[in-house]
Protein backbone atom coordinates (compact mmCIF):
# COMPACT_ATOMS: atom_id res chain seq x y z
CA UNK A 1 66.15 122.47 135.62
CA UNK A 2 62.83 124.14 135.33
CA UNK A 3 60.30 124.08 132.51
CA UNK A 4 61.42 127.61 131.69
CA UNK A 5 65.14 127.37 131.04
CA UNK A 6 65.55 131.14 131.01
CA UNK A 7 64.80 131.10 134.72
CA UNK A 8 67.74 128.75 135.36
CA UNK A 9 70.02 131.45 133.93
CA UNK A 10 68.90 134.06 136.51
CA UNK A 11 69.06 132.10 139.76
CA UNK A 12 71.48 134.57 141.30
CA UNK A 13 69.27 137.45 140.34
CA UNK A 14 66.29 135.74 141.85
CA UNK A 15 68.16 135.30 145.11
CA UNK A 16 68.94 139.03 145.18
CA UNK A 17 65.27 139.90 144.51
CA UNK A 18 64.19 137.43 147.21
CA UNK A 19 66.30 139.39 149.68
CA UNK A 20 65.03 142.77 148.50
CA UNK A 21 61.40 141.49 148.55
CA UNK A 22 61.55 140.04 152.06
CA UNK A 23 60.48 143.33 153.64
CA UNK A 24 57.39 143.33 151.39
CA UNK A 25 56.60 139.79 152.55
CA UNK A 26 56.82 140.82 156.20
CA UNK A 27 54.27 143.57 155.45
CA UNK A 28 51.92 141.11 153.77
CA UNK A 29 49.44 138.67 155.18
CA UNK A 30 51.83 135.79 154.56
CA UNK A 31 54.47 134.36 156.84
CA UNK A 32 57.81 133.41 155.32
CA UNK A 33 56.78 129.80 155.39
CA UNK A 34 53.46 130.52 153.61
CA UNK A 35 55.25 132.66 151.05
CA UNK A 36 57.63 129.76 150.34
CA UNK A 37 54.64 127.57 149.62
CA UNK A 38 53.14 130.18 147.34
CA UNK A 39 56.40 130.52 145.41
CA UNK A 40 56.70 126.73 144.94
CA UNK A 41 53.33 126.81 143.19
CA UNK A 42 54.17 129.82 141.06
CA UNK A 43 55.98 129.73 137.71
CA UNK A 44 57.35 132.85 136.08
CA UNK A 45 56.94 133.30 132.37
CA UNK A 46 57.83 136.02 129.89
CA UNK A 47 54.80 137.07 127.87
CA UNK A 48 55.54 138.24 124.33
CA UNK A 49 59.29 137.54 124.59
CA UNK A 50 59.67 138.27 120.87
CA UNK A 51 58.35 141.81 121.26
CA UNK A 52 60.72 144.13 123.25
CA UNK A 53 57.92 146.63 123.80
CA UNK A 54 55.34 144.16 125.15
CA UNK A 55 57.55 141.58 126.84
CA UNK A 56 57.06 141.27 130.56
CA UNK A 57 57.48 138.74 133.32
CA UNK A 58 54.16 137.33 134.60
CA UNK A 59 53.40 135.11 137.56
CA UNK A 60 51.60 131.96 136.44
CA UNK A 61 49.57 131.03 139.57
CA UNK A 62 47.55 128.17 138.00
CA UNK A 63 48.92 125.74 140.59
CA UNK A 64 48.06 127.89 143.64
CA UNK A 65 44.86 125.99 144.32
CA UNK A 66 47.02 123.03 145.46
CA UNK A 67 48.71 125.02 148.24
CA UNK A 68 46.04 127.47 149.36
CA UNK A 69 44.45 125.06 151.86
CA UNK A 70 47.92 124.26 153.19
CA UNK A 71 48.52 127.94 153.99
CA UNK A 72 46.04 127.73 156.85
CA UNK A 73 47.77 124.60 158.19
CA UNK A 74 51.13 126.39 158.20
CA UNK A 75 49.56 129.34 160.04
CA UNK A 76 47.86 126.99 162.54
CA UNK A 77 51.08 125.14 163.14
CA UNK A 78 52.94 128.44 163.73
CA UNK A 79 50.26 129.50 166.27
CA UNK A 80 50.79 126.24 168.12
CA UNK A 81 54.49 126.99 168.28
CA UNK A 82 53.96 130.46 169.72
CA UNK A 83 53.40 132.34 166.52
CA UNK A 84 56.95 132.12 165.22
CA UNK A 85 57.61 133.90 161.95
CA UNK A 86 56.56 137.11 160.28
CA UNK A 87 53.61 138.11 158.23
CA UNK A 88 51.12 138.85 160.98
CA UNK A 89 49.98 142.17 159.41
CA UNK A 90 46.52 141.80 158.02
CA UNK A 91 45.96 138.35 159.41
CA UNK A 92 42.96 137.49 161.46
CA UNK A 93 44.13 136.84 164.98
CA UNK A 94 40.70 135.58 166.17
CA UNK A 95 41.36 132.03 165.00
CA UNK A 96 39.33 129.39 166.80
CA UNK A 97 42.23 127.00 166.85
CA UNK A 98 42.08 123.27 166.41
CA UNK A 99 38.31 122.97 166.39
CA UNK A 100 37.95 125.57 163.61
CA UNK A 101 40.80 123.94 161.65
CA UNK A 102 39.04 120.55 161.82
CA UNK A 103 35.69 122.08 160.90
CA UNK A 104 37.30 123.94 158.02
CA UNK A 105 39.07 120.81 156.79
CA UNK A 106 35.67 119.08 156.77
CA UNK A 107 34.16 121.96 154.78
CA UNK A 108 32.02 123.02 157.74
CA UNK A 109 33.83 126.23 158.59
CA UNK A 110 32.18 129.60 158.42
CA UNK A 111 33.68 131.45 155.45
CA UNK A 112 36.55 129.17 154.57
CA UNK A 113 35.78 129.49 150.91
CA UNK A 114 35.85 133.24 151.02
CA UNK A 115 39.02 133.22 153.09
CA UNK A 116 40.71 130.95 150.53
CA UNK A 117 39.54 133.26 147.71
CA UNK A 118 41.07 136.21 149.55
CA UNK A 119 44.29 134.37 150.17
CA UNK A 120 44.47 133.37 146.48
CA UNK A 121 43.90 136.99 145.36
CA UNK A 122 46.50 138.24 147.82
CA UNK A 123 48.97 135.58 146.63
CA UNK A 124 48.29 136.47 142.97
CA UNK A 125 48.87 140.20 143.66
CA UNK A 126 52.03 139.56 145.60
CA UNK A 127 53.55 137.13 143.10
CA UNK A 128 52.94 139.65 140.34
CA UNK A 129 54.59 142.34 142.42
CA UNK A 130 57.54 139.98 142.72
CA UNK A 131 57.56 139.38 138.98
CA UNK A 132 57.54 143.13 138.32
CA UNK A 133 60.40 143.57 140.88
CA UNK A 134 62.31 140.75 139.15
CA UNK A 135 61.94 142.30 135.73
CA UNK A 136 63.00 145.69 137.08
CA UNK A 137 66.01 144.14 138.72
CA UNK A 138 66.99 142.27 135.50
CA UNK A 139 66.65 145.56 133.56
CA UNK A 140 68.83 147.46 136.03
CA UNK A 141 71.50 144.78 135.86
CA UNK A 142 71.46 144.67 132.05
CA UNK A 143 70.19 141.06 132.03
CA UNK A 144 66.64 141.55 130.82
CA UNK A 145 67.42 141.27 127.13
CA UNK A 146 69.34 138.05 127.63
CA UNK A 147 66.48 136.56 129.62
CA UNK A 148 63.91 137.71 127.10
CA UNK A 149 65.86 136.26 124.16
CA UNK A 150 66.35 132.96 126.04
CA UNK A 151 62.58 132.78 126.67
CA UNK A 152 61.86 133.52 123.00
CA UNK A 153 64.24 130.78 121.95
CA UNK A 154 62.91 128.36 124.55
CA UNK A 155 66.36 128.13 126.14
């Protein structure tokens, strides 16, 4: 079980949103593997669960810093395997390969810090889009109120 028991109650709905959202991921800068890493570092919370007018699902991305450096490793590994996977839109295809990866890992890369900041911002935007989509889905299925009440009760 998760730290947010209300999320355990909507696993099936999350799976449906995952499928609906897959096209959005393919249009993003992230591959499916990278998106999986981002999602493992993201927790969804309901802000103001006691207030029906203000309650909303938000993406807590506090743990993203732990996976952002790994996103480059996933992309580098995919490039070595012939670029398998989606998410090439918006990605820089002028990668310098192994040498640049080693230099970046040593903190000697060109704009690695700025690239990581851009990736973090993109991940934050996309996870919040996902949260909005999840809330919309729950509302359309008549399950939002149950999730909101469960979050308010800590269940």
